[in-house]
Amino acid sequence: MFMKMHSYIMTNRLYQEDLEECKLKGKDAKPISNYPNNVSFLNFTLYMWTPALVYEQEYPRNKHFRVGYFFWKAIYTLMSLLTAYILFEDYVLITI
């Protein structure tokens, strides 16, 4: 979490510096981001829940929820947890 917060702060600092440079250059210069508008609680929480370590303003997302993919990954997760539980019961608890 600390690394994610650091990335959020440093990237927005870069955006702020770019905005200041564009203001000094004049009206022709275009900033690389919409800096003051992207700093919000909603944007920060979205980034904290996104499985990415480097902050970006937009992330590639699907337009719809893939139910089949979700259930497939849920089954994999449950099977992994069941396997870990069985291994723990059979090998770790016996030695303890």
N, C-alpha and C. Protein backbone atom coordinates (compact mmCIF):
# COMPACT_ATOMS: atom_id res chain seq x y z
N MET A 1 0.83 -1.19 0.00
CA MET A 1 0.00 0.00 0.00
C MET A 1 0.87 1.26 0.00
N PHE A 2 1.99 1.19 0.74
CA PHE A 2 2.88 2.36 0.77
C PHE A 2 3.43 2.65 -0.62
N MET A 3 3.80 1.61 -1.36
CA MET A 3 4.34 1.82 -2.70
C MET A 3 3.28 2.38 -3.64
N LYS A 4 2.04 1.95 -3.47
CA LYS A 4 0.95 2.48 -4.31
C LYS A 4 0.71 3.96 -4.00
N MET A 5 0.71 4.31 -2.72
CA MET A 5 0.52 5.71 -2.36
C MET A 5 1.67 6.57 -2.87
N HIS A 6 2.89 6.03 -2.79
CA HIS A 6 4.05 6.76 -3.30
C HIS A 6 3.93 6.98 -4.80
N SER A 7 3.50 5.97 -5.54
CA SER A 7 3.32 6.11 -6.97
C SER A 7 2.25 7.15 -7.30
N TYR A 8 1.17 7.16 -6.55
CA TYR A 8 0.09 8.13 -6.77
C TYR A 8 0.60 9.55 -6.57
N ILE A 9 1.34 9.76 -5.51
CA ILE A 9 1.85 11.10 -5.19
C ILE A 9 2.89 11.54 -6.22
N MET A 10 3.83 10.68 -6.55
CA MET A 10 4.90 11.06 -7.48
C MET A 10 4.37 11.31 -8.89
N THR A 11 3.41 10.52 -9.33
CA THR A 11 2.85 10.73 -10.66
C THR A 11 2.07 12.03 -10.72
N ASN A 12 1.29 12.33 -9.69
CA ASN A 12 0.57 13.60 -9.67
C ASN A 12 1.52 14.78 -9.52
N ARG A 13 2.63 14.58 -8.87
CA ARG A 13 3.65 15.64 -8.79
C ARG A 13 4.23 15.91 -10.18
N LEU A 14 4.48 14.86 -10.94
CA LEU A 14 4.95 15.02 -12.31
C LEU A 14 3.91 15.77 -13.15
N TYR A 15 2.65 15.41 -12.99
CA TYR A 15 1.58 16.10 -13.72
C TYR A 15 1.51 17.58 -13.33
N GLN A 16 1.70 17.88 -12.07
CA GLN A 16 1.67 19.26 -11.60
C GLN A 16 2.83 20.06 -12.20
N GLU A 17 4.03 19.48 -12.21
CA GLU A 17 5.18 20.16 -12.80
C GLU A 17 4.97 20.40 -14.29
N ASP A 18 4.39 19.42 -14.98
CA ASP A 18 4.11 19.58 -16.40
C ASP A 18 3.09 20.69 -16.64
N LEU A 19 2.09 20.77 -15.80
CA LEU A 19 1.08 21.84 -15.93
C LEU A 19 1.71 23.20 -15.72
N GLU A 20 2.60 23.33 -14.75
CA GLU A 20 3.27 24.61 -14.51
C GLU A 20 4.17 24.99 -15.68
N GLU A 21 4.86 24.01 -16.27
CA GLU A 21 5.68 24.29 -17.45
C GLU A 21 4.83 24.75 -18.62
N CYS A 22 3.68 24.14 -18.80
CA CYS A 22 2.79 24.53 -19.90
C CYS A 22 2.24 25.93 -19.71
N LYS A 23 1.99 26.31 -18.47
CA LYS A 23 1.51 27.67 -18.20
C LYS A 23 2.60 28.69 -18.50
N LEU A 24 3.86 28.33 -18.24
CA LEU A 24 4.96 29.24 -18.53
C LEU A 24 5.21 29.37 -20.03
N LYS A 25 5.00 28.29 -20.78
CA LYS A 25 5.25 28.30 -22.22
C LYS A 25 4.20 29.08 -22.99
N GLY A 26 2.99 29.08 -22.50
CA GLY A 26 1.95 29.84 -23.19
C GLY A 26 0.76 28.97 -23.55
N LYS A 27 -0.11 29.51 -24.40
CA LYS A 27 -1.35 28.83 -24.75
C LYS A 27 -1.15 27.66 -25.71
N ASP A 28 -0.07 27.66 -26.45
CA ASP A 28 0.16 26.59 -27.43
C ASP A 28 0.53 25.26 -26.78
N ALA A 29 1.11 25.32 -25.60
CA ALA A 29 1.55 24.09 -24.93
C ALA A 29 0.35 23.36 -24.34
N LYS A 30 0.36 22.06 -24.48
CA LYS A 30 -0.74 21.21 -23.99
C LYS A 30 -0.19 20.30 -22.88
N PRO A 31 -0.83 20.29 -21.71
CA PRO A 31 -0.35 19.40 -20.64
C PRO A 31 -0.62 17.93 -20.96
N ILE A 32 0.16 17.04 -20.34
CA ILE A 32 0.00 15.61 -20.63
C ILE A 32 -1.17 15.00 -19.87
N SER A 33 -1.77 15.74 -18.96
CA SER A 33 -2.89 15.20 -18.18
C SER A 33 -3.86 16.31 -17.83
N ASN A 34 -4.96 15.93 -17.23
CA ASN A 34 -5.90 16.92 -16.68
C ASN A 34 -5.67 16.97 -15.17
N TYR A 35 -4.50 17.45 -14.79
CA TYR A 35 -3.99 17.31 -13.43
C TYR A 35 -4.95 17.70 -12.31
N PRO A 36 -5.45 18.89 -12.21
CA PRO A 36 -6.22 19.16 -10.98
C PRO A 36 -7.52 18.36 -10.89
N ASN A 37 -8.03 17.90 -12.02
CA ASN A 37 -9.31 17.18 -12.01
C ASN A 37 -9.16 15.71 -11.63
N ASN A 38 -7.96 15.16 -11.73
CA ASN A 38 -7.80 13.73 -11.44
C ASN A 38 -7.48 13.47 -9.97
N VAL A 39 -7.24 14.48 -9.18
CA VAL A 39 -6.94 14.29 -7.76
C VAL A 39 -8.26 14.37 -6.99
N SER A 40 -8.78 13.20 -6.63
CA SER A 40 -10.02 13.14 -5.87
C SER A 40 -10.02 11.86 -5.04
N PHE A 41 -10.90 11.80 -4.09
CA PHE A 41 -11.00 10.61 -3.24
C PHE A 41 -11.45 9.41 -4.07
N LEU A 42 -12.37 9.61 -4.99
CA LEU A 42 -12.85 8.52 -5.84
C LEU A 42 -11.72 7.97 -6.72
N ASN A 43 -10.94 8.86 -7.30
CA ASN A 43 -9.83 8.44 -8.14
C ASN A 43 -8.78 7.67 -7.33
N PHE A 44 -8.50 8.15 -6.12
CA PHE A 44 -7.51 7.49 -5.27
C PHE A 44 -8.00 6.10 -4.84
N THR A 45 -9.26 5.96 -4.44
CA THR A 45 -9.76 4.65 -4.03
C THR A 45 -9.84 3.68 -5.21
N LEU A 46 -10.19 4.19 -6.39
CA LEU A 46 -10.18 3.33 -7.58
C LEU A 46 -8.79 2.79 -7.83
N TYR A 47 -7.78 3.65 -7.70
CA TYR A 47 -6.40 3.20 -7.90
C TYR A 47 -5.99 2.20 -6.82
N MET A 48 -6.39 2.42 -5.58
CA MET A 48 -6.01 1.50 -4.51
C MET A 48 -6.64 0.12 -4.70
N TRP A 49 -7.81 0.04 -5.32
CA TRP A 49 -8.46 -1.26 -5.56
C TRP A 49 -8.00 -1.91 -6.86
N THR A 50 -7.38 -1.13 -7.75
CA THR A 50 -6.91 -1.67 -9.01
C THR A 50 -5.63 -2.46 -8.80
N PRO A 51 -5.50 -3.64 -9.37
CA PRO A 51 -4.28 -4.43 -9.17
C PRO A 51 -3.13 -3.93 -10.05
N ALA A 52 -2.70 -2.70 -9.79
CA ALA A 52 -1.58 -2.12 -10.52
C ALA A 52 -0.70 -1.38 -9.54
N LEU A 53 0.60 -1.39 -9.79
CA LEU A 53 1.52 -0.71 -8.89
C LEU A 53 1.85 0.69 -9.37
N VAL A 54 1.72 0.94 -10.66
CA VAL A 54 2.02 2.24 -11.23
C VAL A 54 0.72 2.97 -11.52
N TYR A 55 0.60 4.21 -11.02
CA TYR A 55 -0.63 4.98 -11.18
C TYR A 55 -0.78 5.48 -12.61
N GLU A 56 -1.94 5.31 -13.16
CA GLU A 56 -2.33 5.86 -14.45
C GLU A 56 -3.69 6.53 -14.26
N GLN A 57 -4.01 7.47 -15.13
CA GLN A 57 -5.31 8.12 -15.00
C GLN A 57 -6.45 7.23 -15.46
N GLU A 58 -6.20 6.40 -16.45
CA GLU A 58 -7.23 5.49 -16.94
C GLU A 58 -6.62 4.10 -17.11
N TYR A 59 -7.41 3.09 -16.81
CA TYR A 59 -6.96 1.71 -16.94
C TYR A 59 -7.85 1.01 -17.95
N PRO A 60 -7.29 0.05 -18.70
CA PRO A 60 -8.14 -0.68 -19.65
C PRO A 60 -9.16 -1.53 -18.90
N ARG A 61 -10.39 -1.38 -19.26
CA ARG A 61 -11.47 -2.12 -18.60
C ARG A 61 -12.44 -2.64 -19.64
N ASN A 62 -13.11 -3.72 -19.29
CA ASN A 62 -14.16 -4.25 -20.15
C ASN A 62 -15.44 -3.48 -19.92
N LYS A 63 -16.27 -3.44 -20.95
CA LYS A 63 -17.52 -2.72 -20.82
C LYS A 63 -18.58 -3.52 -20.08
N HIS A 64 -18.41 -4.83 -20.02
CA HIS A 64 -19.40 -5.66 -19.36
C HIS A 64 -18.70 -6.63 -18.41
N PHE A 65 -19.46 -7.17 -17.49
CA PHE A 65 -18.96 -8.12 -16.51
C PHE A 65 -19.02 -9.53 -17.10
N ARG A 66 -17.89 -10.23 -17.13
CA ARG A 66 -17.85 -11.57 -17.71
C ARG A 66 -18.13 -12.59 -16.61
N VAL A 67 -19.33 -13.08 -16.57
CA VAL A 67 -19.78 -13.99 -15.52
C VAL A 67 -19.03 -15.32 -15.59
N GLY A 68 -18.86 -15.87 -16.76
CA GLY A 68 -18.16 -17.14 -16.91
C GLY A 68 -16.72 -17.06 -16.43
N TYR A 69 -16.04 -15.99 -16.78
CA TYR A 69 -14.66 -15.79 -16.34
C TYR A 69 -14.59 -15.67 -14.82
N PHE A 70 -15.54 -14.95 -14.24
CA PHE A 70 -15.57 -14.78 -12.79
C PHE A 70 -15.75 -16.12 -12.09
N PHE A 71 -16.70 -16.92 -12.54
CA PHE A 71 -16.93 -18.22 -11.91
C PHE A 71 -15.74 -19.16 -12.11
N TRP A 72 -15.11 -19.11 -13.27
CA TRP A 72 -13.94 -19.94 -13.52
C TRP A 72 -12.82 -19.60 -12.54
N LYS A 73 -12.56 -18.32 -12.34
CA LYS A 73 -11.53 -17.89 -11.40
C LYS A 73 -11.94 -18.19 -9.96
N ALA A 74 -13.22 -18.10 -9.65
CA ALA A 74 -13.69 -18.42 -8.30
C ALA A 74 -13.49 -19.92 -8.02
N ILE A 75 -13.76 -20.75 -9.00
CA ILE A 75 -13.56 -22.20 -8.82
C ILE A 75 -12.08 -22.49 -8.62
N TYR A 76 -11.20 -21.85 -9.41
CA TYR A 76 -9.75 -22.03 -9.21
C TYR A 76 -9.33 -21.61 -7.81
N THR A 77 -9.85 -20.51 -7.34
CA THR A 77 -9.50 -20.03 -6.00
C THR A 77 -9.97 -21.00 -4.93
N LEU A 78 -11.18 -21.47 -5.03
CA LEU A 78 -11.70 -22.42 -4.05
C LEU A 78 -10.93 -23.74 -4.07
N MET A 79 -10.57 -24.21 -5.26
CA MET A 79 -9.79 -25.44 -5.35
C MET A 79 -8.40 -25.25 -4.74
N SER A 80 -7.79 -24.09 -4.93
CA SER A 80 -6.48 -23.82 -4.35
C SER A 80 -6.57 -23.76 -2.83
N LEU A 81 -7.61 -23.13 -2.32
CA LEU A 81 -7.79 -23.08 -0.86
C LEU A 81 -8.05 -24.46 -0.28
N LEU A 82 -8.83 -25.27 -0.97
CA LEU A 82 -9.10 -26.63 -0.52
C LEU A 82 -7.83 -27.47 -0.52
N THR A 83 -7.03 -27.33 -1.56
CA THR A 83 -5.76 -28.05 -1.62
C THR A 83 -4.82 -27.62 -0.49
N ALA A 84 -4.73 -26.33 -0.24
CA ALA A 84 -3.89 -25.85 0.85
C ALA A 84 -4.38 -26.36 2.19
N TYR A 85 -5.69 -26.40 2.39
CA TYR A 85 -6.26 -26.90 3.63
C TYR A 85 -5.94 -28.39 3.83
N ILE A 86 -6.10 -29.17 2.78
CA ILE A 86 -5.82 -30.61 2.87
C ILE A 86 -4.34 -30.85 3.17
N LEU A 87 -3.45 -30.13 2.49
CA LEU A 87 -2.03 -30.28 2.76
C LEU A 87 -1.67 -29.87 4.18
N PHE A 88 -2.29 -28.81 4.66
CA PHE A 88 -2.04 -28.36 6.04
C PHE A 88 -2.51 -29.41 7.04
N GLU A 89 -3.70 -29.94 6.81
CA GLU A 89 -4.24 -30.96 7.71
C GLU A 89 -3.39 -32.23 7.71
N ASP A 90 -2.96 -32.66 6.53
CA ASP A 90 -2.26 -33.94 6.41
C ASP A 90 -0.80 -33.88 6.86
N TYR A 91 -0.13 -32.78 6.59
CA TYR A 91 1.30 -32.76 6.83
C TYR A 91 1.77 -31.83 7.96
N VAL A 92 1.11 -30.69 8.13
CA VAL A 92 1.57 -29.73 9.13
C VAL A 92 1.01 -30.06 10.51
N LEU A 93 -0.26 -30.33 10.60
CA LEU A 93 -0.85 -30.59 11.91
C LEU A 93 -0.34 -31.89 12.54
N ILE A 94 0.07 -32.83 11.74
CA ILE A 94 0.60 -34.09 12.27
C ILE A 94 1.92 -33.83 13.00
N THR A 95 2.76 -32.98 12.44
CA THR A 95 4.05 -32.70 13.07
C THR A 95 3.93 -31.78 14.27
N ILE A 96 2.92 -30.96 14.27
CA ILE A 96 2.74 -30.05 15.41
C ILE A 96 2.16 -30.82 16.58
